[in-house]
PDB file of N, CA and C in Angstrom:
ATOM      1  N   MET A   1       0.842  -1.182   0.000  1.00  0.00           N
ATOM      2  CA  MET A   1       0.000   0.000   0.000  1.00  0.00           C
ATOM      3  C   MET A   1       0.885   1.242   0.000  1.00  0.00           C
ATOM      4  N   CYS A   2       0.539   2.207  -0.812  1.00  0.00           N
ATOM      5  CA  CYS A   2       1.275   3.459  -0.934  1.00  0.00           C
ATOM      6  C   CYS A   2       0.504   4.567  -0.218  1.00  0.00           C
ATOM      7  N   ILE A   3       1.144   5.158   0.769  1.00  0.00           N
ATOM      8  CA  ILE A   3       0.493   6.262   1.473  1.00  0.00           C
ATOM      9  C   ILE A   3       1.409   7.471   1.435  1.00  0.00           C
ATOM     10  N   ASN A   4       0.926   8.551   0.874  1.00  0.00           N
ATOM     11  CA  ASN A   4       1.621   9.829   0.858  1.00  0.00           C
ATOM     12  C   ASN A   4       0.654  10.879   1.375  1.00  0.00           C
ATOM     13  N   ALA A   5       1.200  11.997   1.823  1.00  0.00           N
ATOM     14  CA  ALA A   5       0.358  13.069   2.348  1.00  0.00           C
ATOM     15  C   ALA A   5       0.783  14.397   1.742  1.00  0.00           C
ATOM     16  N   VAL A   6      -0.165  15.279   1.606  1.00  0.00           N
ATOM     17  CA  VAL A   6       0.091  16.636   1.151  1.00  0.00           C
ATOM     18  C   VAL A   6      -0.314  17.573   2.280  1.00  0.00           C
ATOM     19  N   VAL A   7       0.629  18.391   2.714  1.00  0.00           N
ATOM     20  CA  VAL A   7       0.374  19.360   3.781  1.00  0.00           C
ATOM     21  C   VAL A   7       0.236  20.727   3.130  1.00  0.00           C
ATOM     22  N   LEU A   8      -0.873  21.368   3.390  1.00  0.00           N
ATOM     23  CA  LEU A   8      -1.143  22.665   2.772  1.00  0.00           C
ATOM     24  C   LEU A   8      -1.109  23.779   3.798  1.00  0.00           C
ATOM     25  N   ARG A   9      -0.806  24.948   3.338  1.00  0.00           N
ATOM     26  CA  ARG A   9      -1.053  26.158   4.114  1.00  0.00           C
ATOM     27  C   ARG A   9      -2.296  26.771   3.487  1.00  0.00           C
ATOM     28  N   PRO A  10      -2.856  27.808   4.068  1.00  0.00           N
ATOM     29  CA  PRO A  10      -4.062  28.370   3.448  1.00  0.00           C
ATOM     30  C   PRO A  10      -3.827  28.728   1.981  1.00  0.00           C
ATOM     31  N   SER A  11      -4.659  28.191   1.127  1.00  0.00           N
ATOM     32  CA  SER A  11      -4.604  28.494  -0.299  1.00  0.00           C
ATOM     33  C   SER A  11      -5.941  29.091  -0.710  1.00  0.00           C
ATOM     34  N   ARG A  12      -5.981  29.642  -1.891  1.00  0.00           N
ATOM     35  CA  ARG A  12      -7.201  30.286  -2.353  1.00  0.00           C
ATOM     36  C   ARG A  12      -8.245  29.218  -2.689  1.00  0.00           C
ATOM     37  N   ASN A  13      -9.342  29.193  -1.927  1.00  0.00           N
ATOM     38  CA  ASN A  13     -10.421  28.240  -2.160  1.00  0.00           C
ATOM     39  C   ASN A  13     -11.696  28.751  -1.502  1.00  0.00           C
ATOM     40  N   GLU A  14     -12.755  27.965  -1.572  1.00  0.00           N
ATOM     41  CA  GLU A  14     -14.047  28.402  -1.028  1.00  0.00           C
ATOM     42  C   GLU A  14     -13.998  28.626   0.483  1.00  0.00           C
ATOM     43  N   VAL A  15     -13.229  27.823   1.183  1.00  0.00           N
ATOM     44  CA  VAL A  15     -13.146  27.952   2.641  1.00  0.00           C
ATOM     45  C   VAL A  15     -12.401  29.221   3.040  1.00  0.00           C
ATOM     46  N   THR A  16     -11.308  29.521   2.344  1.00  0.00           N
ATOM     47  CA  THR A  16     -10.506  30.694   2.716  1.00  0.00           C
ATOM     48  C   THR A  16     -11.031  31.994   2.111  1.00  0.00           C
ATOM     49  N   LYS A  17     -12.049  31.895   1.283  1.00  0.00           N
ATOM     50  CA  LYS A  17     -12.624  33.106   0.690  1.00  0.00           C
ATOM     51  C   LYS A  17     -13.053  34.095   1.773  1.00  0.00           C
ATOM     52  N   SER A  18     -13.516  33.574   2.914  1.00  0.00           N
ATOM     53  CA  SER A  18     -13.966  34.451   4.001  1.00  0.00           C
ATOM     54  C   SER A  18     -12.823  35.208   4.661  1.00  0.00           C
ATOM     55  N   MET A  19     -11.569  34.785   4.413  1.00  0.00           N
ATOM     56  CA  MET A  19     -10.424  35.497   4.973  1.00  0.00           C
ATOM     57  C   MET A  19     -10.195  36.839   4.280  1.00  0.00           C
ATOM     58  N   GLY A  20     -10.722  36.969   3.067  1.00  0.00           N
ATOM     59  CA  GLY A  20     -10.591  38.217   2.321  1.00  0.00           C
ATOM     60  C   GLY A  20      -9.139  38.639   2.152  1.00  0.00           C
ATOM     61  N   GLU A  21      -8.861  39.906   2.451  1.00  0.00           N
ATOM     62  CA  GLU A  21      -7.518  40.453   2.261  1.00  0.00           C
ATOM     63  C   GLU A  21      -6.501  39.846   3.225  1.00  0.00           C
ATOM     64  N   MET A  22      -6.977  39.273   4.325  1.00  0.00           N
ATOM     65  CA  MET A  22      -6.056  38.669   5.277  1.00  0.00           C
ATOM     66  C   MET A  22      -5.279  37.520   4.621  1.00  0.00           C
ATOM     67  N   LEU A  23      -5.916  36.767   3.729  1.00  0.00           N
ATOM     68  CA  LEU A  23      -5.223  35.702   3.019  1.00  0.00           C
ATOM     69  C   LEU A  23      -4.104  36.279   2.162  1.00  0.00           C
ATOM     70  N   ASP A  24      -4.376  37.369   1.463  1.00  0.00           N
ATOM     71  CA  ASP A  24      -3.350  37.995   0.626  1.00  0.00           C
ATOM     72  C   ASP A  24      -2.188  38.508   1.465  1.00  0.00           C
ATOM     73  N   THR A  25      -2.491  39.086   2.617  1.00  0.00           N
ATOM     74  CA  THR A  25      -1.444  39.588   3.513  1.00  0.00           C
ATOM     75  C   THR A  25      -0.584  38.428   4.010  1.00  0.00           C
ATOM     76  N   PHE A  26      -1.221  37.355   4.438  1.00  0.00           N
ATOM     77  CA  PHE A  26      -0.530  36.170   4.915  1.00  0.00           C
ATOM     78  C   PHE A  26       0.331  35.575   3.794  1.00  0.00           C
ATOM     79  N   ALA A  27      -0.242  35.450   2.625  1.00  0.00           N
ATOM     80  CA  ALA A  27       0.452  34.827   1.496  1.00  0.00           C
ATOM     81  C   ALA A  27       1.611  35.680   0.994  1.00  0.00           C
ATOM     82  N   ALA A  28       1.495  36.991   1.084  1.00  0.00           N
ATOM     83  CA  ALA A  28       2.556  37.877   0.606  1.00  0.00           C
ATOM     84  C   ALA A  28       3.856  37.681   1.376  1.00  0.00           C
ATOM     85  N   ALA A  29       3.764  37.171   2.594  1.00  0.00           N
ATOM     86  CA  ALA A  29       4.953  36.942   3.412  1.00  0.00           C
ATOM     87  C   ALA A  29       5.702  35.667   3.011  1.00  0.00           C
ATOM     88  N   SER A  30       5.129  34.855   2.145  1.00  0.00           N
ATOM     89  CA  SER A  30       5.783  33.612   1.727  1.00  0.00           C
ATOM     90  C   SER A  30       6.810  33.897   0.634  1.00  0.00           C
ATOM     91  N   PRO A  31       7.765  32.997   0.439  1.00  0.00           N
ATOM     92  CA  PRO A  31       8.732  33.184  -0.652  1.00  0.00           C
ATOM     93  C   PRO A  31       8.070  33.307  -2.030  1.00  0.00           C
ATOM     94  N   LEU A  32       6.932  32.629  -2.232  1.00  0.00           N
ATOM     95  CA  LEU A  32       6.227  32.726  -3.507  1.00  0.00           C
ATOM     96  C   LEU A  32       5.537  34.086  -3.646  1.00  0.00           C
ATOM     97  N   GLY A  33       5.151  34.673  -2.511  1.00  0.00           N
ATOM     98  CA  GLY A  33       4.545  36.005  -2.518  1.00  0.00           C
ATOM     99  C   GLY A  33       3.068  36.046  -2.840  1.00  0.00           C
ATOM    100  N   ARG A  34       2.433  34.876  -2.881  1.00  0.00           N
ATOM    101  CA  ARG A  34       1.001  34.829  -3.178  1.00  0.00           C
ATOM    102  C   ARG A  34       0.432  33.504  -2.672  1.00  0.00           C
ATOM    103  N   ALA A  35      -0.880  33.428  -2.617  1.00  0.00           N
ATOM    104  CA  ALA A  35      -1.547  32.188  -2.210  1.00  0.00           C
ATOM    105  C   ALA A  35      -1.546  31.208  -3.374  1.00  0.00           C
ATOM    106  N   GLU A  36      -1.489  29.928  -3.046  1.00  0.00           N
ATOM    107  CA  GLU A  36      -1.589  28.908  -4.078  1.00  0.00           C
ATOM    108  C   GLU A  36      -3.018  28.871  -4.613  1.00  0.00           C
ATOM    109  N   GLU A  37      -3.138  28.616  -5.885  1.00  0.00           N
ATOM    110  CA  GLU A  37      -4.445  28.492  -6.520  1.00  0.00           C
ATOM    111  C   GLU A  37      -4.897  27.028  -6.445  1.00  0.00           C
ATOM    112  N   PRO A  38      -6.210  26.787  -6.447  1.00  0.00           N
ATOM    113  CA  PRO A  38      -6.711  25.413  -6.353  1.00  0.00           C
ATOM    114  C   PRO A  38      -6.143  24.469  -7.414  1.00  0.00           C
ATOM    115  N   ASP A  39      -5.971  24.956  -8.642  1.00  0.00           N
ATOM    116  CA  ASP A  39      -5.445  24.069  -9.686  1.00  0.00           C
ATOM    117  C   ASP A  39      -3.991  23.690  -9.427  1.00  0.00           C
ATOM    118  N   GLU A  40      -3.226  24.566  -8.790  1.00  0.00           N
ATOM    119  CA  GLU A  40      -1.841  24.244  -8.467  1.00  0.00           C
ATOM    120  C   GLU A  40      -1.783  23.106  -7.438  1.00  0.00           C
ATOM    121  N   VAL A  41      -2.630  23.190  -6.430  1.00  0.00           N
ATOM    122  CA  VAL A  41      -2.704  22.140  -5.409  1.00  0.00           C
ATOM    123  C   VAL A  41      -3.190  20.834  -6.041  1.00  0.00           C
ATOM    124  N   ALA A  42      -4.180  20.929  -6.908  1.00  0.00           N
ATOM    125  CA  ALA A  42      -4.723  19.740  -7.572  1.00  0.00           C
ATOM    126  C   ALA A  42      -3.664  19.047  -8.421  1.00  0.00           C
ATOM    127  N   HIS A  43      -2.814  19.799  -9.084  1.00  0.00           N
ATOM    128  CA  HIS A  43      -1.755  19.199  -9.899  1.00  0.00           C
ATOM    129  C   HIS A  43      -0.769  18.410  -9.043  1.00  0.00           C
ATOM    130  N   VAL A  44      -0.452  18.929  -7.875  1.00  0.00           N
ATOM    131  CA  VAL A  44       0.459  18.216  -6.965  1.00  0.00           C
ATOM    132  C   VAL A  44      -0.179  16.909  -6.505  1.00  0.00           C
ATOM    133  N   ILE A  45      -1.439  16.964  -6.123  1.00  0.00           N
ATOM    134  CA  ILE A  45      -2.129  15.756  -5.662  1.00  0.00           C
ATOM    135  C   ILE A  45      -2.252  14.746  -6.790  1.00  0.00           C
ATOM    136  N   ALA A  46      -2.570  15.194  -7.983  1.00  0.00           N
ATOM    137  CA  ALA A  46      -2.673  14.289  -9.130  1.00  0.00           C
ATOM    138  C   ALA A  46      -1.325  13.648  -9.429  1.00  0.00           C
ATOM    139  N   TYR A  47      -0.253  14.402  -9.306  1.00  0.00           N
ATOM    140  CA  TYR A  47       1.079  13.856  -9.530  1.00  0.00           C
ATOM    141  C   TYR A  47       1.363  12.732  -8.536  1.00  0.00           C
ATOM    142  N   LEU A  48       1.095  12.983  -7.253  1.00  0.00           N
ATOM    143  CA  LEU A  48       1.342  11.959  -6.234  1.00  0.00           C
ATOM    144  C   LEU A  48       0.461  10.726  -6.415  1.00  0.00           C
ATOM    145  N   ALA A  49      -0.667  10.887  -7.056  1.00  0.00           N
ATOM    146  CA  ALA A  49      -1.572   9.754  -7.283  1.00  0.00           C
ATOM    147  C   ALA A  49      -1.243   9.011  -8.572  1.00  0.00           C
ATOM    148  N   GLY A  50      -0.317   9.536  -9.348  1.00  0.00           N
ATOM    149  CA  GLY A  50      -0.014   8.957 -10.649  1.00  0.00           C
ATOM    150  C   GLY A  50       0.887   7.743 -10.596  1.00  0.00           C
ATOM    151  N   GLU A  51       0.920   7.030 -11.686  1.00  0.00           N
ATOM    152  CA  GLU A  51       1.727   5.816 -11.813  1.00  0.00           C
ATOM    153  C   GLU A  51       3.223   6.097 -11.742  1.00  0.00           C
ATOM    154  N   GLN A  52       3.667   7.283 -12.173  1.00  0.00           N
ATOM    155  CA  GLN A  52       5.093   7.592 -12.208  1.00  0.00           C
ATOM    156  C   GLN A  52       5.729   7.579 -10.827  1.00  0.00           C
ATOM    157  N   VAL A  53       4.948   7.802  -9.793  1.00  0.00           N
ATOM    158  CA  VAL A  53       5.505   7.926  -8.444  1.00  0.00           C
ATOM    159  C   VAL A  53       5.162   6.739  -7.556  1.00  0.00           C
ATOM    160  N   ARG A  54       4.827   5.607  -8.140  1.00  0.00           N
ATOM    161  CA  ARG A  54       4.515   4.423  -7.335  1.00  0.00           C
ATOM    162  C   ARG A  54       5.623   4.056  -6.354  1.00  0.00           C
ATOM    163  N   PRO A  55       6.902   4.247  -6.693  1.00  0.00           N
ATOM    164  CA  PRO A  55       7.949   3.894  -5.740  1.00  0.00           C
ATOM    165  C   PRO A  55       8.036   4.846  -4.542  1.00  0.00           C
ATOM    166  N   ILE A  56       7.385   5.980  -4.612  1.00  0.00           N
ATOM    167  CA  ILE A  56       7.431   6.947  -3.513  1.00  0.00           C
ATOM    168  C   ILE A  56       6.342   6.595  -2.508  1.00  0.00           C
ATOM    169  N   THR A  57       6.755   6.262  -1.300  1.00  0.00           N
ATOM    170  CA  THR A  57       5.795   5.929  -0.248  1.00  0.00           C
ATOM    171  C   THR A  57       6.215   6.610   1.052  1.00  0.00           C
ATOM    172  N   GLY A  58       5.242   6.912   1.876  1.00  0.00           N
ATOM    173  CA  GLY A  58       5.517   7.509   3.171  1.00  0.00           C
ATOM    174  C   GLY A  58       6.032   8.932   3.093  1.00  0.00           C
ATOM    175  N   THR A  59       5.718   9.630   2.035  1.00  0.00           N
ATOM    176  CA  THR A  59       6.191  10.998   1.838  1.00  0.00           C
ATOM    177  C   THR A  59       5.149  12.004   2.301  1.00  0.00           C
ATOM    178  N   VAL A  60       5.621  13.038   2.963  1.00  0.00           N
ATOM    179  CA  VAL A  60       4.768  14.172   3.311  1.00  0.00           C
ATOM    180  C   VAL A  60       5.300  15.342   2.500  1.00  0.00           C
ATOM    181  N   LEU A  61       4.503  15.792   1.553  1.00  0.00           N
ATOM    182  CA  LEU A  61       4.918  16.860   0.643  1.00  0.00           C
ATOM    183  C   LEU A  61       4.266  18.170   1.074  1.00  0.00           C
ATOM    184  N   ALA A  62       5.081  19.147   1.387  1.00  0.00           N
ATOM    185  CA  ALA A  62       4.567  20.459   1.805  1.00  0.00           C
ATOM    186  C   ALA A  62       4.289  21.308   0.566  1.00  0.00           C
ATOM    187  N   VAL A  63       3.048  21.687   0.389  1.00  0.00           N
ATOM    188  CA  VAL A  63       2.642  22.614  -0.664  1.00  0.00           C
ATOM    189  C   VAL A  63       2.394  23.926   0.062  1.00  0.00           C
ATOM    190  N   ASP A  64       3.488  24.672   0.245  1.00  0.00           N
ATOM    191  CA  ASP A  64       3.431  25.817   1.164  1.00  0.00           C
ATOM    192  C   ASP A  64       4.147  27.050   0.637  1.00  0.00           C
ATOM    193  N   ALA A  65       4.342  27.136  -0.669  1.00  0.00           N
ATOM    194  CA  ALA A  65       4.972  28.296  -1.303  1.00  0.00           C
ATOM    195  C   ALA A  65       6.392  28.542  -0.801  1.00  0.00           C
ATOM    196  N   GLY A  66       7.061  27.490  -0.344  1.00  0.00           N
ATOM    197  CA  GLY A  66       8.435  27.625   0.108  1.00  0.00           C
ATOM    198  C   GLY A  66       8.603  28.050   1.552  1.00  0.00           C
ATOM    199  N   CYS A  67       7.522  28.096   2.317  1.00  0.00           N
ATOM    200  CA  CYS A  67       7.624  28.561   3.700  1.00  0.00           C
ATOM    201  C   CYS A  67       8.482  27.660   4.574  1.00  0.00           C
ATOM    202  N   VAL A  68       8.346  26.354   4.447  1.00  0.00           N
ATOM    203  CA  VAL A  68       9.146  25.437   5.266  1.00  0.00           C
ATOM    204  C   VAL A  68      10.607  25.519   4.876  1.00  0.00           C
ATOM    205  N   SER A  69      10.888  25.544   3.596  1.00  0.00           N
ATOM    206  CA  SER A  69      12.280  25.583   3.146  1.00  0.00           C
ATOM    207  C   SER A  69      12.947  26.922   3.462  1.00  0.00           C
ATOM    208  N   ALA A  70      12.154  27.948   3.706  1.00  0.00           N
ATOM    209  CA  ALA A  70      12.707  29.265   4.001  1.00  0.00           C
ATOM    210  C   ALA A  70      13.079  29.415   5.466  1.00  0.00           C
ATOM    211  N   LEU A  71      12.684  28.437   6.298  1.00  0.00           N
ATOM    212  CA  LEU A  71      12.987  28.538   7.732  1.00  0.00           C
ATOM    213  C   LEU A  71      14.440  28.373   8.033  1.00  0.00           C
TER     214      LEU A  71
END
């Protein structure tokens, strides 16, 4: 069994829409300088679910605009 995880920070979606400008302020502090878009997150998840990465197991992938790597 292959189990991988994707860890997200707040990205632009229906749930965070209520954050309004606060999301933009929060996201501007990241190395990417903006919030991730839903399609960007979906592409990462689709990649991890694909056949090309079957040998990758037990991975936790941070989709966080470089925030963890910037620490």
